[in-house]
PDB file of N, CA and C in Angstrom:
ATOM      1  N   MET A   1     -11.754  25.917 -12.585  1.00  0.00           N
ATOM      2  CA  MET A   1     -10.715  24.860 -12.400  1.00  0.00           C
ATOM      3  C   MET A   1     -10.383  24.708 -10.837  1.00  0.00           C
ATOM      4  N   LYS A   2     -10.281  25.920 -10.214  1.00  0.00           N
ATOM      5  CA  LYS A   2      -9.761  25.908  -8.884  1.00  0.00           C
ATOM      6  C   LYS A   2     -10.863  25.433  -7.956  1.00  0.00           C
ATOM      7  N   SER A   3     -12.055  25.453  -8.161  1.00  0.00           N
ATOM      8  CA  SER A   3     -13.135  24.620  -7.386  1.00  0.00           C
ATOM      9  C   SER A   3     -13.009  23.274  -7.730  1.00  0.00           C
ATOM     10  N   ALA A   4     -12.773  22.794  -8.892  1.00  0.00           N
ATOM     11  CA  ALA A   4     -12.695  21.352  -9.044  1.00  0.00           C
ATOM     12  C   ALA A   4     -11.410  20.681  -8.246  1.00  0.00           C
ATOM     13  N   PHE A   5     -10.387  21.557  -8.497  1.00  0.00           N
ATOM     14  CA  PHE A   5      -9.140  21.045  -7.771  1.00  0.00           C
ATOM     15  C   PHE A   5      -9.319  21.035  -6.246  1.00  0.00           C
ATOM     16  N   LEU A   6      -9.914  22.211  -5.802  1.00  0.00           N
ATOM     17  CA  LEU A   6     -10.303  22.064  -4.274  1.00  0.00           C
ATOM     18  C   LEU A   6     -11.119  20.879  -3.902  1.00  0.00           C
ATOM     19  N   SER A   7     -12.119  20.745  -4.673  1.00  0.00           N
ATOM     20  CA  SER A   7     -13.091  19.472  -4.378  1.00  0.00           C
ATOM     21  C   SER A   7     -12.339  18.081  -4.319  1.00  0.00           C
ATOM     22  N   PHE A   8     -11.532  18.101  -5.359  1.00  0.00           N
ATOM     23  CA  PHE A   8     -10.539  16.741  -5.444  1.00  0.00           C
ATOM     24  C   PHE A   8      -9.903  16.625  -4.178  1.00  0.00           C
ATOM     25  N   PHE A   9      -9.164  17.702  -3.955  1.00  0.00           N
ATOM     26  CA  PHE A   9      -8.069  17.795  -2.715  1.00  0.00           C
ATOM     27  C   PHE A   9      -8.985  17.374  -1.599  1.00  0.00           C
ATOM     28  N   LEU A  10      -9.908  17.875  -1.285  1.00  0.00           N
ATOM     29  CA  LEU A  10     -10.732  17.920  -0.063  1.00  0.00           C
ATOM     30  C   LEU A  10     -11.382  16.312   0.003  1.00  0.00           C
ATOM     31  N   LEU A  11     -11.876  15.964  -1.330  1.00  0.00           N
ATOM     32  CA  LEU A  11     -12.297  14.414  -1.220  1.00  0.00           C
ATOM     33  C   LEU A  11     -11.150  13.511  -0.929  1.00  0.00           C
ATOM     34  N   SER A  12     -10.026  13.711  -1.303  1.00  0.00           N
ATOM     35  CA  SER A  12      -8.724  12.742  -1.174  1.00  0.00           C
ATOM     36  C   SER A  12      -8.333  13.018   0.383  1.00  0.00           C
ATOM     37  N   CYS A  13      -8.491  14.142   0.931  1.00  0.00           N
ATOM     38  CA  CYS A  13      -8.140  14.306   2.396  1.00  0.00           C
ATOM     39  C   CYS A  13      -9.266  13.336   3.192  1.00  0.00           C
ATOM     40  N   PHE A  14     -10.479  13.384   2.636  1.00  0.00           N
ATOM     41  CA  PHE A  14     -11.551  12.774   3.415  1.00  0.00           C
ATOM     42  C   PHE A  14     -11.321  11.160   3.287  1.00  0.00           C
ATOM     43  N   ALA A  15     -11.181  10.786   2.045  1.00  0.00           N
ATOM     44  CA  ALA A  15     -10.549   9.252   1.690  1.00  0.00           C
ATOM     45  C   ALA A  15      -9.456   8.829   2.512  1.00  0.00           C
ATOM     46  N   TRP A  16      -8.530   9.651   2.525  1.00  0.00           N
ATOM     47  CA  TRP A  16      -7.087   9.184   3.407  1.00  0.00           C
ATOM     48  C   TRP A  16      -7.592   9.017   4.777  1.00  0.00           C
ATOM     49  N   ARG A  17      -8.387   9.873   5.505  1.00  0.00           N
ATOM     50  CA  ARG A  17      -8.638   9.732   6.716  1.00  0.00           C
ATOM     51  C   ARG A  17      -9.523   8.533   6.959  1.00  0.00           C
ATOM     52  N   THR A  18     -10.223   7.947   6.039  1.00  0.00           N
ATOM     53  CA  THR A  18     -11.160   6.619   6.030  1.00  0.00           C
ATOM     54  C   THR A  18      -9.983   5.598   6.012  1.00  0.00           C
ATOM     55  N   VAL A  19      -9.117   5.819   5.102  1.00  0.00           N
ATOM     56  CA  VAL A  19      -8.122   4.668   5.194  1.00  0.00           C
ATOM     57  C   VAL A  19      -7.313   4.584   6.479  1.00  0.00           C
ATOM     58  N   VAL A  20      -6.924   5.640   6.760  1.00  0.00           N
ATOM     59  CA  VAL A  20      -6.046   5.507   8.094  1.00  0.00           C
ATOM     60  C   VAL A  20      -6.916   4.960   9.342  1.00  0.00           C
ATOM     61  N   ALA A  21      -8.260   5.368   9.634  1.00  0.00           N
ATOM     62  CA  ALA A  21      -9.067   4.947  10.362  1.00  0.00           C
ATOM     63  C   ALA A  21      -9.305   3.175  10.290  1.00  0.00           C
ATOM     64  N   ALA A  22      -9.309   2.774   8.840  1.00  0.00           N
ATOM     65  CA  ALA A  22      -9.590   1.437   8.784  1.00  0.00           C
ATOM     66  C   ALA A  22      -8.441   0.501   9.094  1.00  0.00           C
ATOM     67  N   TYR A  23      -7.308   1.216   8.928  1.00  0.00           N
ATOM     68  CA  TYR A  23      -6.068   0.384   9.104  1.00  0.00           C
ATOM     69  C   TYR A  23      -5.332   1.047  10.476  1.00  0.00           C
ATOM     70  N   PRO A  24      -5.620   0.831  11.718  1.00  0.00           N
ATOM     71  CA  PRO A  24      -5.074   1.501  12.773  1.00  0.00           C
ATOM     72  C   PRO A  24      -3.506   1.016  12.797  1.00  0.00           C
ATOM     73  N   ASP A  25      -2.753   1.835  13.832  1.00  0.00           N
ATOM     74  CA  ASP A  25      -1.454   1.623  14.272  1.00  0.00           C
ATOM     75  C   ASP A  25      -1.266   0.024  14.564  1.00  0.00           C
ATOM     76  N   PRO A  26      -0.468  -0.841  14.221  1.00  0.00           N
ATOM     77  CA  PRO A  26      -0.591  -2.205  14.582  1.00  0.00           C
ATOM     78  C   PRO A  26       0.290  -2.370  16.065  1.00  0.00           C
ATOM     79  N   LEU A  27       0.640  -1.411  16.637  1.00  0.00           N
ATOM     80  CA  LEU A  27       1.203  -1.399  17.899  1.00  0.00           C
ATOM     81  C   LEU A  27       0.482  -0.279  18.753  1.00  0.00           C
ATOM     82  N   PRO A  28      -0.630  -0.334  18.973  1.00  0.00           N
ATOM     83  CA  PRO A  28      -1.508   0.800  19.683  1.00  0.00           C
ATOM     84  C   PRO A  28      -0.834   0.769  21.010  1.00  0.00           C
ATOM     85  N   GLY A  29      -0.632   2.069  21.683  1.00  0.00           N
ATOM     86  CA  GLY A  29      -0.190   2.184  23.064  1.00  0.00           C
ATOM     87  C   GLY A  29       1.293   1.958  23.277  1.00  0.00           C
ATOM     88  N   THR A  30       1.852   2.076  22.109  1.00  0.00           N
ATOM     89  CA  THR A  30       3.388   2.091  22.098  1.00  0.00           C
ATOM     90  C   THR A  30       3.990   3.542  21.531  1.00  0.00           C
ATOM     91  N   ASP A  31       5.254   3.904  21.729  1.00  0.00           N
ATOM     92  CA  ASP A  31       5.881   4.776  20.988  1.00  0.00           C
ATOM     93  C   ASP A  31       6.822   4.616  20.054  1.00  0.00           C
ATOM     94  N   ILE A  32       6.639   3.104  19.624  1.00  0.00           N
ATOM     95  CA  ILE A  32       7.524   2.622  18.361  1.00  0.00           C
ATOM     96  C   ILE A  32       7.212   3.206  17.227  1.00  0.00           C
ATOM     97  N   LYS A  33       8.143   3.721  16.560  1.00  0.00           N
ATOM     98  CA  LYS A  33       7.672   4.417  15.285  1.00  0.00           C
ATOM     99  C   LYS A  33       8.605   3.567  14.200  1.00  0.00           C
ATOM    100  N   MET A  34       8.196   2.884  13.349  1.00  0.00           N
ATOM    101  CA  MET A  34       8.872   2.089  12.499  1.00  0.00           C
ATOM    102  C   MET A  34       8.436   1.717  11.134  1.00  0.00           C
ATOM    103  N   GLY A  35       8.889   2.168   9.987  1.00  0.00           N
ATOM    104  CA  GLY A  35       8.474   1.966   8.750  1.00  0.00           C
ATOM    105  C   GLY A  35       8.430   0.445   8.321  1.00  0.00           C
ATOM    106  N   ALA A  36       7.585   0.060   7.450  1.00  0.00           N
ATOM    107  CA  ALA A  36       7.595  -1.301   6.777  1.00  0.00           C
ATOM    108  C   ALA A  36       7.669  -2.421   7.909  1.00  0.00           C
ATOM    109  N   PRO A  37       6.949  -2.499   8.896  1.00  0.00           N
ATOM    110  CA  PRO A  37       7.290  -3.554  10.042  1.00  0.00           C
ATOM    111  C   PRO A  37       6.620  -4.767   9.655  1.00  0.00           C
ATOM    112  N   THR A  38       7.511  -5.925  10.170  1.00  0.00           N
ATOM    113  CA  THR A  38       7.086  -7.245   9.964  1.00  0.00           C
ATOM    114  C   THR A  38       7.172  -8.002  11.442  1.00  0.00           C
ATOM    115  N   VAL A  39       6.181  -8.812  11.562  1.00  0.00           N
ATOM    116  CA  VAL A  39       6.194  -9.656  12.823  1.00  0.00           C
ATOM    117  C   VAL A  39       6.203 -10.758  12.603  1.00  0.00           C
ATOM    118  N   VAL A  40       7.220 -11.686  13.457  1.00  0.00           N
ATOM    119  CA  VAL A  40       7.220 -12.894  13.408  1.00  0.00           C
ATOM    120  C   VAL A  40       7.054 -13.600  14.861  1.00  0.00           C
ATOM    121  N   TYR A  41       6.149 -14.729  14.837  1.00  0.00           N
ATOM    122  CA  TYR A  41       5.878 -15.335  16.105  1.00  0.00           C
ATOM    123  C   TYR A  41       6.679 -16.798  16.239  1.00  0.00           C
ATOM    124  N   ASN A  42       7.436 -16.797  17.414  1.00  0.00           N
ATOM    125  CA  ASN A  42       8.052 -18.062  17.620  1.00  0.00           C
ATOM    126  C   ASN A  42       7.305 -18.782  18.850  1.00  0.00           C
ATOM    127  N   ALA A  43       6.778 -19.937  18.304  1.00  0.00           N
ATOM    128  CA  ALA A  43       5.880 -20.661  19.189  1.00  0.00           C
ATOM    129  C   ALA A  43       6.721 -21.343  20.170  1.00  0.00           C
ATOM    130  N   ASP A  44       7.783 -21.688  20.105  1.00  0.00           N
ATOM    131  CA  ASP A  44       8.799 -22.399  21.208  1.00  0.00           C
ATOM    132  C   ASP A  44       9.035 -21.456  22.140  1.00  0.00           C
ATOM    133  N   LEU A  45       9.391 -20.126  21.652  1.00  0.00           N
ATOM    134  CA  LEU A  45       9.712 -19.298  22.653  1.00  0.00           C
ATOM    135  C   LEU A  45       8.640 -18.387  23.283  1.00  0.00           C
ATOM    136  N   LYS A  46       7.442 -18.601  22.760  1.00  0.00           N
ATOM    137  CA  LYS A  46       6.265 -17.785  23.073  1.00  0.00           C
ATOM    138  C   LYS A  46       6.442 -16.378  23.082  1.00  0.00           C
ATOM    139  N   LYS A  47       7.201 -15.881  21.962  1.00  0.00           N
ATOM    140  CA  LYS A  47       7.574 -14.386  21.773  1.00  0.00           C
ATOM    141  C   LYS A  47       7.095 -14.133  20.224  1.00  0.00           C
ATOM    142  N   TYR A  48       6.692 -12.733  20.102  1.00  0.00           N
ATOM    143  CA  TYR A  48       6.634 -12.024  18.876  1.00  0.00           C
ATOM    144  C   TYR A  48       7.884 -11.314  18.713  1.00  0.00           C
ATOM    145  N   PHE A  49       8.234 -11.220  17.483  1.00  0.00           N
ATOM    146  CA  PHE A  49       9.614 -10.313  17.028  1.00  0.00           C
ATOM    147  C   PHE A  49       8.984  -9.380  16.056  1.00  0.00           C
ATOM    148  N   LEU A  50       9.362  -8.156  16.130  1.00  0.00           N
ATOM    149  CA  LEU A  50       8.990  -7.078  15.465  1.00  0.00           C
ATOM    150  C   LEU A  50      10.391  -6.484  14.598  1.00  0.00           C
ATOM    151  N   PHE A  51      10.429  -6.430  13.326  1.00  0.00           N
ATOM    152  CA  PHE A  51      11.405  -6.086  12.672  1.00  0.00           C
ATOM    153  C   PHE A  51      10.816  -4.820  11.590  1.00  0.00           C
ATOM    154  N   GLY A  52      11.815  -3.705  11.409  1.00  0.00           N
ATOM    155  CA  GLY A  52      11.255  -2.768  10.692  1.00  0.00           C
ATOM    156  C   GLY A  52      12.534  -2.140  10.006  1.00  0.00           C
ATOM    157  N   THR A  53      12.116  -0.845   9.178  1.00  0.00           N
ATOM    158  CA  THR A  53      12.977  -0.241   8.389  1.00  0.00           C
ATOM    159  C   THR A  53      14.002   0.551   9.373  1.00  0.00           C
ATOM    160  N   GLY A  54      15.391   0.730   9.313  1.00  0.00           N
ATOM    161  CA  GLY A  54      16.204   1.499  10.208  1.00  0.00           C
ATOM    162  C   GLY A  54      17.518   0.760   9.721  1.00  0.00           C
ATOM    163  N   LYS A  55      18.472   1.623  10.614  1.00  0.00           N
ATOM    164  CA  LYS A  55      20.045   1.186  10.370  1.00  0.00           C
ATOM    165  C   LYS A  55      20.200  -0.304  10.936  1.00  0.00           C
ATOM    166  N   PHE A  56      20.762  -0.933  10.211  1.00  0.00           N
ATOM    167  CA  PHE A  56      20.904  -2.507  10.496  1.00  0.00           C
ATOM    168  C   PHE A  56      19.806  -3.193  11.174  1.00  0.00           C
ATOM    169  N   ILE A  57      18.549  -2.940  10.602  1.00  0.00           N
ATOM    170  CA  ILE A  57      17.334  -3.460  10.975  1.00  0.00           C
ATOM    171  C   ILE A  57      16.867  -3.563  12.455  1.00  0.00           C
ATOM    172  N   PRO A  58      16.354  -2.522  12.928  1.00  0.00           N
ATOM    173  CA  PRO A  58      15.991  -2.593  14.590  1.00  0.00           C
ATOM    174  C   PRO A  58      14.882  -3.658  14.663  1.00  0.00           C
ATOM    175  N   TYR A  59      14.756  -4.427  15.791  1.00  0.00           N
ATOM    176  CA  TYR A  59      13.788  -5.200  16.329  1.00  0.00           C
ATOM    177  C   TYR A  59      13.457  -5.188  17.696  1.00  0.00           C
ATOM    178  N   TYR A  60      12.312  -5.592  18.115  1.00  0.00           N
ATOM    179  CA  TYR A  60      11.571  -5.691  19.429  1.00  0.00           C
ATOM    180  C   TYR A  60      11.018  -7.141  19.582  1.00  0.00           C
ATOM    181  N   ALA A  61      10.961  -7.473  20.653  1.00  0.00           N
ATOM    182  CA  ALA A  61      10.355  -8.604  21.097  1.00  0.00           C
ATOM    183  C   ALA A  61       9.160  -8.464  22.273  1.00  0.00           C
ATOM    184  N   SER A  62       8.288  -9.230  22.201  1.00  0.00           N
ATOM    185  CA  SER A  62       7.090  -9.298  23.260  1.00  0.00           C
ATOM    186  C   SER A  62       6.396 -10.753  23.392  1.00  0.00           C
ATOM    187  N   PRO A  63       5.852 -10.704  24.705  1.00  0.00           N
ATOM    188  CA  PRO A  63       5.190 -12.129  24.945  1.00  0.00           C
ATOM    189  C   PRO A  63       3.811 -12.041  24.221  1.00  0.00           C
ATOM    190  N   SER A  64       3.454 -10.917  23.945  1.00  0.00           N
ATOM    191  CA  SER A  64       1.985 -10.735  23.220  1.00  0.00           C
ATOM    192  C   SER A  64       2.005  -9.639  22.185  1.00  0.00           C
ATOM    193  N   ILE A  65       1.233  -9.780  21.207  1.00  0.00           N
ATOM    194  CA  ILE A  65       1.129  -9.110  19.788  1.00  0.00           C
ATOM    195  C   ILE A  65       0.659  -7.586  20.307  1.00  0.00           C
ATOM    196  N   THR A  66       0.136  -7.376  21.450  1.00  0.00           N
ATOM    197  CA  THR A  66      -0.269  -6.109  22.081  1.00  0.00           C
ATOM    198  C   THR A  66       1.028  -5.509  23.000  1.00  0.00           C
ATOM    199  N   GLY A  67       1.900  -6.216  23.152  1.00  0.00           N
ATOM    200  CA  GLY A  67       3.167  -5.470  24.038  1.00  0.00           C
ATOM    201  C   GLY A  67       3.032  -6.206  25.476  1.00  0.00           C
ATOM    202  N   PRO A  68       3.816  -5.582  26.311  1.00  0.00           N
ATOM    203  CA  PRO A  68       4.887  -4.597  25.947  1.00  0.00           C
ATOM    204  C   PRO A  68       5.977  -5.247  25.071  1.00  0.00           C
ATOM    205  N   TRP A  69       6.519  -4.162  24.174  1.00  0.00           N
ATOM    206  CA  TRP A  69       7.665  -4.416  23.327  1.00  0.00           C
ATOM    207  C   TRP A  69       8.896  -3.960  23.883  1.00  0.00           C
ATOM    208  N   THR A  70       9.922  -4.933  23.765  1.00  0.00           N
ATOM    209  CA  THR A  70      11.295  -4.680  24.535  1.00  0.00           C
ATOM    210  C   THR A  70      12.348  -4.303  23.556  1.00  0.00           C
ATOM    211  N   ASN A  71      12.992  -3.326  23.345  1.00  0.00           N
ATOM    212  CA  ASN A  71      13.991  -3.159  22.382  1.00  0.00           C
ATOM    213  C   ASN A  71      15.136  -4.139  22.493  1.00  0.00           C
ATOM    214  N   GLN A  72      15.312  -4.827  21.292  1.00  0.00           N
ATOM    215  CA  GLN A  72      16.296  -6.001  21.279  1.00  0.00           C
ATOM    216  C   GLN A  72      17.575  -5.502  20.560  1.00  0.00           C
ATOM    217  N   GLY A  73      17.780  -4.185  20.121  1.00  0.00           N
ATOM    218  CA  GLY A  73      18.796  -3.909  19.514  1.00  0.00           C
ATOM    219  C   GLY A  73      18.635  -3.890  17.783  1.00  0.00           C
ATOM    220  N   VAL A  74      19.645  -4.237  17.145  1.00  0.00           N
ATOM    221  CA  VAL A  74      19.453  -4.480  15.690  1.00  0.00           C
ATOM    222  C   VAL A  74      19.790  -5.828  15.468  1.00  0.00           C
ATOM    223  N   LEU A  75      19.110  -6.177  14.103  1.00  0.00           N
ATOM    224  CA  LEU A  75      19.320  -7.539  13.703  1.00  0.00           C
ATOM    225  C   LEU A  75      20.893  -7.816  13.083  1.00  0.00           C
ATOM    226  N   MET A  76      21.262  -7.009  12.558  1.00  0.00           N
ATOM    227  CA  MET A  76      22.809  -7.110  12.073  1.00  0.00           C
ATOM    228  C   MET A  76      23.651  -6.126  12.454  1.00  0.00           C
ATOM    229  N   PRO A  77      24.127  -5.992  13.681  1.00  0.00           N
ATOM    230  CA  PRO A  77      24.970  -4.962  14.294  1.00  0.00           C
ATOM    231  C   PRO A  77      26.269  -4.816  13.472  1.00  0.00           C
ATOM    232  N   ASN A  78      26.802  -5.728  12.746  1.00  0.00           N
ATOM    233  CA  ASN A  78      27.882  -5.663  11.983  1.00  0.00           C
ATOM    234  C   ASN A  78      27.753  -5.409  10.366  1.00  0.00           C
ATOM    235  N   GLY A  79      26.424  -5.137  10.102  1.00  0.00           N
ATOM    236  CA  GLY A  79      26.246  -4.862   8.941  1.00  0.00           C
ATOM    237  C   GLY A  79      25.983  -6.234   8.076  1.00  0.00           C
ATOM    238  N   THR A  80      26.188  -6.066   6.634  1.00  0.00           N
ATOM    239  CA  THR A  80      26.087  -7.519   5.871  1.00  0.00           C
ATOM    240  C   THR A  80      27.289  -7.649   5.148  1.00  0.00           C
ATOM    241  N   LYS A  81      27.769  -8.625   4.243  1.00  0.00           N
ATOM    242  CA  LYS A  81      28.684  -8.800   3.459  1.00  0.00           C
ATOM    243  C   LYS A  81      28.553  -8.237   2.079  1.00  0.00           C
ATOM    244  N   VAL A  82      27.467  -7.530   1.664  1.00  0.00           N
ATOM    245  CA  VAL A  82      27.254  -7.339   0.416  1.00  0.00           C
ATOM    246  C   VAL A  82      28.008  -5.806   0.070  1.00  0.00           C
ATOM    247  N   GLY A  83      28.770  -5.153   1.089  1.00  0.00           N
ATOM    248  CA  GLY A  83      29.500  -4.139   0.945  1.00  0.00           C
ATOM    249  C   GLY A  83      28.974  -2.859   0.588  1.00  0.00           C
ATOM    250  N   LEU A  84      27.651  -2.586   0.851  1.00  0.00           N
ATOM    251  CA  LEU A  84      27.136  -1.416   0.271  1.00  0.00           C
ATOM    252  C   LEU A  84      26.620  -0.735   1.374  1.00  0.00           C
ATOM    253  N   GLU A  85      26.983   0.609   1.825  1.00  0.00           N
ATOM    254  CA  GLU A  85      26.437   1.279   2.960  1.00  0.00           C
ATOM    255  C   GLU A  85      25.196   1.914   2.659  1.00  0.00           C
ATOM    256  N   GLY A  86      24.229   1.921   3.246  1.00  0.00           N
ATOM    257  CA  GLY A  86      22.880   2.827   3.170  1.00  0.00           C
ATOM    258  C   GLY A  86      22.012   2.403   4.275  1.00  0.00           C
ATOM    259  N   GLY A  87      20.732   2.517   3.877  1.00  0.00           N
ATOM    260  CA  GLY A  87      19.613   2.368   4.927  1.00  0.00           C
ATOM    261  C   GLY A  87      19.215   0.777   4.502  1.00  0.00           C
ATOM    262  N   TYR A  88      18.766   0.308   5.559  1.00  0.00           N
ATOM    263  CA  TYR A  88      18.074  -0.982   5.455  1.00  0.00           C
ATOM    264  C   TYR A  88      16.453  -0.745   5.491  1.00  0.00           C
ATOM    265  N   TRP A  89      15.833  -1.267   4.377  1.00  0.00           N
ATOM    266  CA  TRP A  89      14.586  -0.871   4.057  1.00  0.00           C
ATOM    267  C   TRP A  89      13.610  -2.175   3.894  1.00  0.00           C
ATOM    268  N   ALA A  90      12.450  -1.955   4.320  1.00  0.00           N
ATOM    269  CA  ALA A  90      11.279  -2.986   4.240  1.00  0.00           C
ATOM    270  C   ALA A  90      11.794  -4.400   4.628  1.00  0.00           C
ATOM    271  N   PRO A  91      12.231  -4.888   5.572  1.00  0.00           N
ATOM    272  CA  PRO A  91      12.594  -6.188   5.936  1.00  0.00           C
ATOM    273  C   PRO A  91      11.315  -7.102   5.917  1.00  0.00           C
ATOM    274  N   ASP A  92      11.320  -8.199   5.026  1.00  0.00           N
ATOM    275  CA  ASP A  92      10.267  -9.229   5.155  1.00  0.00           C
ATOM    276  C   ASP A  92      10.914 -10.486   5.869  1.00  0.00           C
ATOM    277  N   CYS A  93      10.695 -10.619   7.378  1.00  0.00           N
ATOM    278  CA  CYS A  93      11.060 -11.791   7.911  1.00  0.00           C
ATOM    279  C   CYS A  93      10.155 -12.717   8.298  1.00  0.00           C
ATOM    280  N   ARG A  94      10.564 -13.809   8.012  1.00  0.00           N
ATOM    281  CA  ARG A  94       9.737 -15.223   8.489  1.00  0.00           C
ATOM    282  C   ARG A  94      10.569 -16.161   9.097  1.00  0.00           C
ATOM    283  N   ARG A  95       9.754 -17.223   9.600  1.00  0.00           N
ATOM    284  CA  ARG A  95      10.468 -18.479  10.064  1.00  0.00           C
ATOM    285  C   ARG A  95       9.985 -19.422   9.487  1.00  0.00           C
ATOM    286  N   SER A  96      10.914 -20.358   8.748  1.00  0.00           N
ATOM    287  CA  SER A  96      10.615 -21.325   7.806  1.00  0.00           C
ATOM    288  C   SER A  96      10.105 -22.535   8.682  1.00  0.00           C
ATOM    289  N   PRO A  97       9.677 -23.294   7.861  1.00  0.00           N
ATOM    290  CA  PRO A  97       9.128 -24.795   8.517  1.00  0.00           C
ATOM    291  C   PRO A  97      10.117 -25.511   9.426  1.00  0.00           C
ATOM    292  N   SER A  98      11.488 -25.242   8.754  1.00  0.00           N
ATOM    293  CA  SER A  98      12.584 -25.904   9.498  1.00  0.00           C
ATOM    294  C   SER A  98      12.986 -25.085  10.715  1.00  0.00           C
ATOM    295  N   GLN A  99      12.323 -23.992  10.987  1.00  0.00           N
ATOM    296  CA  GLN A  99      12.562 -23.165  12.178  1.00  0.00           C
ATOM    297  C   GLN A  99      13.628 -22.142  11.888  1.00  0.00           C
ATOM    298  N   LEU A 100      14.162 -21.998  10.625  1.00  0.00           N
ATOM    299  CA  LEU A 100      15.171 -21.075  10.167  1.00  0.00           C
ATOM    300  C   LEU A 100      14.652 -19.641  10.137  1.00  0.00           C
ATOM    301  N   TYR A 101      14.965 -18.779  10.508  1.00  0.00           N
ATOM    302  CA  TYR A 101      14.508 -17.280  10.531  1.00  0.00           C
ATOM    303  C   TYR A 101      15.269 -16.762   8.947  1.00  0.00           C
ATOM    304  N   VAL A 102      14.323 -16.180   8.139  1.00  0.00           N
ATOM    305  CA  VAL A 102      14.805 -15.868   7.101  1.00  0.00           C
ATOM    306  C   VAL A 102      14.412 -14.267   6.876  1.00  0.00           C
ATOM    307  N   CYS A 103      15.298 -13.437   6.401  1.00  0.00           N
ATOM    308  CA  CYS A 103      14.900 -11.847   6.143  1.00  0.00           C
ATOM    309  C   CYS A 103      15.262 -11.390   4.942  1.00  0.00           C
ATOM    310  N   TYR A 104      14.345 -11.065   4.061  1.00  0.00           N
ATOM    311  CA  TYR A 104      14.860 -10.271   2.753  1.00  0.00           C
ATOM    312  C   TYR A 104      14.707  -8.849   3.060  1.00  0.00           C
ATOM    313  N   TYR A 105      15.460  -8.146   2.602  1.00  0.00           N
ATOM    314  CA  TYR A 105      15.378  -6.529   2.680  1.00  0.00           C
ATOM    315  C   TYR A 105      16.290  -6.069   1.695  1.00  0.00           C
ATOM    316  N   SER A 106      16.075  -4.742   1.486  1.00  0.00           N
ATOM    317  CA  SER A 106      16.710  -3.994   0.520  1.00  0.00           C
ATOM    318  C   SER A 106      17.844  -2.786   1.301  1.00  0.00           C
ATOM    319  N   ILE A 107      18.952  -2.536   0.503  1.00  0.00           N
ATOM    320  CA  ILE A 107      19.969  -1.781   1.186  1.00  0.00           C
ATOM    321  C   ILE A 107      19.977  -0.714   0.048  1.00  0.00           C
ATOM    322  N   SER A 108      19.775   0.684   0.336  1.00  0.00           N
ATOM    323  CA  SER A 108      19.939   1.796  -0.579  1.00  0.00           C
ATOM    324  C   SER A 108      19.973   2.968   0.025  1.00  0.00           C
ATOM    325  N   ASN A 109      20.505   3.844  -0.613  1.00  0.00           N
ATOM    326  CA  ASN A 109      20.450   5.487  -0.257  1.00  0.00           C
ATOM    327  C   ASN A 109      19.582   6.197  -1.223  1.00  0.00           C
ATOM    328  N   LEU A 110      18.846   7.087  -0.463  1.00  0.00           N
ATOM    329  CA  LEU A 110      17.683   8.081  -1.131  1.00  0.00           C
ATOM    330  C   LEU A 110      18.570   8.673  -2.199  1.00  0.00           C
ATOM    331  N   GLY A 111      17.990   8.780  -3.280  1.00  0.00           N
ATOM    332  CA  GLY A 111      18.555   9.527  -4.389  1.00  0.00           C
ATOM    333  C   GLY A 111      19.761   8.543  -5.255  1.00  0.00           C
ATOM    334  N   SER A 112      19.900   7.510  -4.635  1.00  0.00           N
ATOM    335  CA  SER A 112      21.105   6.735  -5.413  1.00  0.00           C
ATOM    336  C   SER A 112      20.629   5.754  -6.451  1.00  0.00           C
ATOM    337  N   GLN A 113      21.283   5.523  -7.286  1.00  0.00           N
ATOM    338  CA  GLN A 113      21.105   4.345  -8.350  1.00  0.00           C
ATOM    339  C   GLN A 113      21.529   3.189  -8.037  1.00  0.00           C
ATOM    340  N   THR A 114      22.171   3.092  -6.897  1.00  0.00           N
ATOM    341  CA  THR A 114      22.791   1.714  -6.482  1.00  0.00           C
ATOM    342  C   THR A 114      21.990   1.065  -5.295  1.00  0.00           C
ATOM    343  N   SER A 115      21.409  -0.035  -5.545  1.00  0.00           N
ATOM    344  CA  SER A 115      20.685  -0.544  -4.438  1.00  0.00           C
ATOM    345  C   SER A 115      20.669  -2.205  -4.705  1.00  0.00           C
ATOM    346  N   VAL A 116      20.486  -2.819  -3.626  1.00  0.00           N
ATOM    347  CA  VAL A 116      20.496  -4.454  -3.461  1.00  0.00           C
ATOM    348  C   VAL A 116      19.346  -5.077  -2.699  1.00  0.00           C
ATOM    349  N   ILE A 117      19.017  -5.996  -2.960  1.00  0.00           N
ATOM    350  CA  ILE A 117      18.002  -6.931  -2.203  1.00  0.00           C
ATOM    351  C   ILE A 117      18.911  -8.158  -1.624  1.00  0.00           C
ATOM    352  N   SER A 118      18.821  -8.168  -0.378  1.00  0.00           N
ATOM    353  CA  SER A 118      19.585  -9.334   0.187  1.00  0.00           C
ATOM    354  C   SER A 118      18.891 -10.381   0.944  1.00  0.00           C
ATOM    355  N   LEU A 119      19.406 -11.324   1.310  1.00  0.00           N
ATOM    356  CA  LEU A 119      18.895 -12.259   1.881  1.00  0.00           C
ATOM    357  C   LEU A 119      19.648 -12.852   3.237  1.00  0.00           C
ATOM    358  N   ASP A 120      19.192 -12.818   4.414  1.00  0.00           N
ATOM    359  CA  ASP A 120      20.019 -13.488   5.563  1.00  0.00           C
ATOM    360  C   ASP A 120      19.068 -14.313   6.218  1.00  0.00           C
ATOM    361  N   ALA A 121      19.794 -15.417   6.739  1.00  0.00           N
ATOM    362  CA  ALA A 121      19.245 -16.594   7.505  1.00  0.00           C
ATOM    363  C   ALA A 121      19.784 -16.954   8.705  1.00  0.00           C
ATOM    364  N   ALA A 122      19.238 -17.219   9.760  1.00  0.00           N
ATOM    365  CA  ALA A 122      19.894 -17.758  11.003  1.00  0.00           C
ATOM    366  C   ALA A 122      19.023 -18.456  11.883  1.00  0.00           C
ATOM    367  N   TRP A 123      19.327 -19.206  12.603  1.00  0.00           N
ATOM    368  CA  TRP A 123      18.578 -20.280  13.539  1.00  0.00           C
ATOM    369  C   TRP A 123      17.839 -19.407  14.714  1.00  0.00           C
ATOM    370  N   ASN A 124      18.468 -18.371  15.130  1.00  0.00           N
ATOM    371  CA  ASN A 124      17.788 -17.371  16.076  1.00  0.00           C
ATOM    372  C   ASN A 124      18.152 -16.053  15.780  1.00  0.00           C
ATOM    373  N   VAL A 125      17.436 -15.123  16.665  1.00  0.00           N
ATOM    374  CA  VAL A 125      17.560 -13.663  16.259  1.00  0.00           C
ATOM    375  C   VAL A 125      18.498 -13.036  17.209  1.00  0.00           C
ATOM    376  N   ASP A 126      18.958 -13.777  18.202  1.00  0.00           N
ATOM    377  CA  ASP A 126      19.917 -13.287  19.127  1.00  0.00           C
ATOM    378  C   ASP A 126      21.199 -12.868  18.532  1.00  0.00           C
TER     379      ASP A 126
END
């Protein structure tokens, strides 16, 4: 039984290495560590915007998908109107055909049974 478990474990580690190699860091050459990132391109500004998991949704801007990325602060410095404190998780930000930025995200505390999914919209990200 131990040898079967060890074989399974080693095979899993090898498979994980293969997956990691197949999907490299989307921001090579940077020190940006961001969970669940999403990237939006604004053709009018000729800029990419990177949003990710973190307090009030941190975001970066760059003229190129390969950087250099400049920290722009957070998307919602004053929080939201939903009245729930917690971490902002997995934002999914897009630019609509009408040029409106829309961002879906969840707010939750680890171990909590209270969470929300929220939507915010704005004409710019500044």
